[in-house]
Amino acid sequence: MSLEQLKPILEAALFAVGHPLSVERMQTLFPGDEKPSIDEIKGALKALGDDCQTRGIELKELASGFCFQTKEYLNPWLKNIWQEKPQRYSRAFLETLALIAYRQPITRGEIEAIRGVAVNANIIKTLMEKEWIRTVGYRDLPGKPALFATTRQFLDYFNLKSLEDLPSLLPLTNAQAIPEEGFVV
């Protein structure tokens, strides 16, 4: 199958499905005798990405695969289209998620030790319901505490291909102080 035949098929599939597709999943679109190689699909995806350079969309590779999304610089014009407001998360929720993302695998007790306060059970429950975290094992300690880590859905939601794409943590400078509560401001 030629590149010019392959591109519209992949473009239509990515547009229609509405979530990221892996290269392997894209291969299953084709019957056995017409199945393109992984390299051919990757070549077509690169060409599709190049085609988007002058458009309002981009082809983005995330942890779960490839998807189309609007270019970030267009957000000011697009934000009024959606009726629902973006979800607001508490500081405790975001701190817990950040600790799991940057220190995974991590136990609830370790999160509590770093934050200095107990982790609300609803935070862990909500993170698991959103499928942003999962239990990846158990620490070999009394009580066998669960070890939490992030998922592909977490990476996809935050527009990341891998954990290496997380922003780096800034080191403390002399201008920053650690208040008595133990939080960096």
Protein backbone atom coordinates (compact mmCIF):
# COMPACT_ATOMS: atom_id res chain seq x y z
CA MET A 1 0.00 0.00 0.00
CA SER A 2 1.37 3.41 -0.94
CA LEU A 3 1.93 6.25 1.50
CA GLU A 4 -0.77 8.32 -0.22
CA GLN A 5 -3.28 5.47 0.26
CA LEU A 6 -2.26 4.82 3.85
CA LYS A 7 -2.39 8.43 5.11
CA PRO A 8 -6.15 9.05 4.68
CA ILE A 9 -7.03 5.69 6.25
CA LEU A 10 -4.93 6.41 9.35
CA GLU A 11 -6.17 10.01 9.49
CA ALA A 12 -9.80 8.86 9.38
CA ALA A 13 -9.21 6.19 12.04
CA LEU A 14 -7.51 8.65 14.40
CA PHE A 15 -10.26 11.20 13.86
CA ALA A 16 -13.11 8.71 14.28
CA VAL A 17 -11.90 6.84 17.35
CA GLY A 18 -11.42 9.90 19.57
CA HIS A 19 -8.65 8.43 21.72
CA PRO A 20 -4.98 7.53 21.15
CA LEU A 21 -4.25 4.53 18.93
CA SER A 22 -1.04 2.53 19.05
CA VAL A 23 0.78 1.66 15.84
CA GLU A 24 0.02 -2.01 16.50
CA ARG A 25 -3.71 -1.24 16.81
CA MET A 26 -3.58 0.72 13.55
CA GLN A 27 -2.12 -2.35 11.87
CA THR A 28 -5.25 -4.32 12.78
CA LEU A 29 -7.33 -2.00 10.56
CA PHE A 30 -6.05 -3.85 7.51
CA PRO A 31 -6.73 -7.41 6.33
CA GLY A 32 -3.79 -9.81 6.42
CA ASP A 33 -2.78 -9.48 2.76
CA GLU A 34 -2.95 -5.65 2.85
CA LYS A 35 -1.41 -5.14 6.30
CA PRO A 36 1.30 -2.45 6.16
CA SER A 37 4.48 -2.87 8.18
CA ILE A 38 5.04 -0.92 11.38
CA ASP A 39 7.67 1.15 9.54
CA GLU A 40 5.17 2.00 6.80
CA ILE A 41 2.60 3.12 9.39
CA LYS A 42 5.23 5.20 11.21
CA GLY A 43 6.21 6.80 7.89
CA ALA A 44 2.57 7.65 7.16
CA LEU A 45 2.17 9.10 10.67
CA LYS A 46 5.25 11.27 10.19
CA ALA A 47 3.82 12.50 6.86
CA LEU A 48 0.46 13.23 8.57
CA GLY A 49 2.29 15.17 11.28
CA ASP A 50 4.14 17.15 8.64
CA ASP A 51 0.84 17.88 6.85
CA CYS A 52 -0.50 19.42 10.08
CA GLN A 53 2.24 22.05 10.32
CA THR A 54 0.03 24.76 8.78
CA ARG A 55 -3.25 23.55 10.31
CA GLY A 56 -4.97 24.16 13.63
CA ILE A 57 -4.42 20.56 14.70
CA GLU A 58 -1.37 18.46 15.39
CA LEU A 59 -0.63 14.76 15.48
CA LYS A 60 0.58 14.03 19.00
CA GLU A 61 2.28 10.87 20.27
CA LEU A 62 1.18 10.04 23.82
CA ALA A 63 1.83 7.07 26.07
CA SER A 64 -1.10 5.09 24.60
CA GLY A 65 -0.42 5.98 20.98
CA PHE A 66 -1.16 8.73 18.48
CA CYS A 67 -4.06 11.19 18.41
CA PHE A 68 -5.08 14.46 16.85
CA GLN A 69 -5.46 17.49 19.10
CA THR A 70 -5.78 21.21 18.68
CA LYS A 71 -2.62 23.24 18.84
CA GLU A 72 -2.09 24.79 22.26
CA TYR A 73 -1.70 28.36 21.02
CA LEU A 74 -5.33 28.25 19.77
CA ASN A 75 -6.80 27.63 23.24
CA PRO A 76 -7.84 31.28 23.83
CA TRP A 77 -10.18 31.07 20.83
CA LEU A 78 -11.47 27.58 21.60
CA LYS A 79 -12.10 27.78 25.34
CA ASN A 80 -15.58 29.28 24.95
CA ILE A 81 -16.82 26.34 22.88
CA TRP A 82 -17.04 23.99 25.86
CA GLN A 83 -19.90 24.54 28.27
CA GLU A 84 -18.45 22.61 31.20
CA LYS A 85 -15.82 24.21 33.36
CA PRO A 86 -12.49 22.44 33.81
CA GLN A 87 -12.26 20.34 36.96
CA ARG A 88 -10.71 22.12 39.95
CA TYR A 89 -8.54 20.02 42.23
CA SER A 90 -7.55 20.71 45.81
CA ARG A 91 -3.96 21.37 46.81
CA ALA A 92 -3.92 18.07 48.74
CA PHE A 93 -5.14 16.20 45.63
CA LEU A 94 -2.47 17.76 43.41
CA GLU A 95 0.31 17.27 45.98
CA THR A 96 -0.62 13.60 46.34
CA LEU A 97 -0.69 13.11 42.57
CA ALA A 98 2.64 14.91 42.14
CA LEU A 99 4.29 12.76 44.82
CA ILE A 100 3.06 9.60 43.14
CA ALA A 101 4.18 10.82 39.71
CA TYR A 102 7.67 11.89 40.79
CA ARG A 103 8.43 9.27 43.47
CA GLN A 104 6.69 6.17 42.16
CA PRO A 105 6.29 3.54 43.35
CA ILE A 106 5.30 5.07 46.67
CA THR A 107 3.12 4.03 49.62
CA ARG A 108 0.43 6.06 51.28
CA GLY A 109 2.58 6.21 54.42
CA GLU A 110 5.49 7.66 52.45
CA ILE A 111 3.18 10.30 50.95
CA GLU A 112 1.95 11.18 54.44
CA ALA A 113 5.52 11.40 55.76
CA ILE A 114 6.53 13.81 53.00
CA ARG A 115 3.37 15.95 53.18
CA GLY A 116 3.23 15.87 56.98
CA VAL A 117 -0.51 15.17 57.02
CA ALA A 118 -2.75 12.16 56.48
CA VAL A 119 -3.87 11.39 52.93
CA ASN A 120 -7.64 11.54 52.63
CA ALA A 121 -8.93 8.16 51.42
CA ASN A 122 -11.15 9.95 48.90
CA ILE A 123 -8.08 11.37 47.14
CA ILE A 124 -6.63 7.91 46.51
CA LYS A 125 -10.10 6.62 45.55
CA THR A 126 -10.65 9.48 43.07
CA LEU A 127 -7.20 9.03 41.52
CA MET A 128 -7.93 5.33 41.06
CA GLU A 129 -11.42 5.97 39.64
CA LYS A 130 -9.91 8.38 37.10
CA GLU A 131 -7.42 5.59 36.33
CA TRP A 132 -4.53 7.99 36.88
CA ILE A 133 -2.91 5.70 39.48
CA ARG A 134 -2.93 2.00 40.23
CA THR A 135 -1.54 -0.42 42.77
CA VAL A 136 1.67 -1.93 41.37
CA GLY A 137 2.65 -4.10 44.32
CA TYR A 138 3.11 -4.15 48.05
CA ARG A 139 6.03 -2.99 50.19
CA ASP A 140 7.63 -5.79 52.24
CA LEU A 141 6.79 -4.15 55.56
CA PRO A 142 4.30 -4.97 58.32
CA GLY A 143 0.80 -4.50 56.97
CA LYS A 144 2.07 -4.88 53.36
CA PRO A 145 1.24 -1.28 52.29
CA ALA A 146 0.21 -0.83 48.67
CA LEU A 147 2.64 0.77 46.23
CA PHE A 148 1.07 3.35 43.91
CA ALA A 149 2.25 4.41 40.45
CA THR A 150 0.78 6.37 37.57
CA THR A 151 -0.89 4.86 34.52
CA ARG A 152 -0.95 5.47 30.77
CA GLN A 153 -4.24 7.34 31.28
CA PHE A 154 -2.39 9.77 33.56
CA LEU A 155 0.24 10.35 30.88
CA ASP A 156 -2.43 10.77 28.18
CA TYR A 157 -4.50 13.21 30.28
CA PHE A 158 -1.47 15.39 30.97
CA ASN A 159 -0.29 15.17 27.35
CA LEU A 160 2.87 13.22 28.13
CA LYS A 161 4.55 10.44 26.15
CA SER A 162 6.51 9.12 29.15
CA LEU A 163 7.44 10.05 32.72
CA GLU A 164 10.64 11.62 31.38
CA ASP A 165 8.40 14.34 29.89
CA LEU A 166 7.32 15.50 33.37
CA PRO A 167 8.66 18.98 34.13
CA SER A 168 11.85 18.84 36.15
CA LEU A 169 11.63 19.73 39.81
CA LEU A 170 13.37 22.99 40.55
CA PRO A 171 16.01 22.83 43.28
CA LEU A 172 15.51 25.04 46.31
CA THR A 173 17.31 28.35 46.06
CA ASN A 174 18.33 30.71 48.83
CA ALA A 175 15.36 32.94 47.94
CA GLN A 176 12.91 30.13 48.77
CA ALA A 177 12.18 29.31 52.37
CA ILE A 178 10.66 26.27 53.98
CA PRO A 179 7.89 27.39 56.33
CA GLU A 180 7.31 25.58 59.60
CA GLU A 181 4.52 23.53 57.99
CA GLY A 182 7.15 21.94 55.73
CA PHE A 183 5.83 23.21 52.39
CA VAL A 184 7.98 24.99 49.84
CA VAL A 185 6.57 28.34 48.74
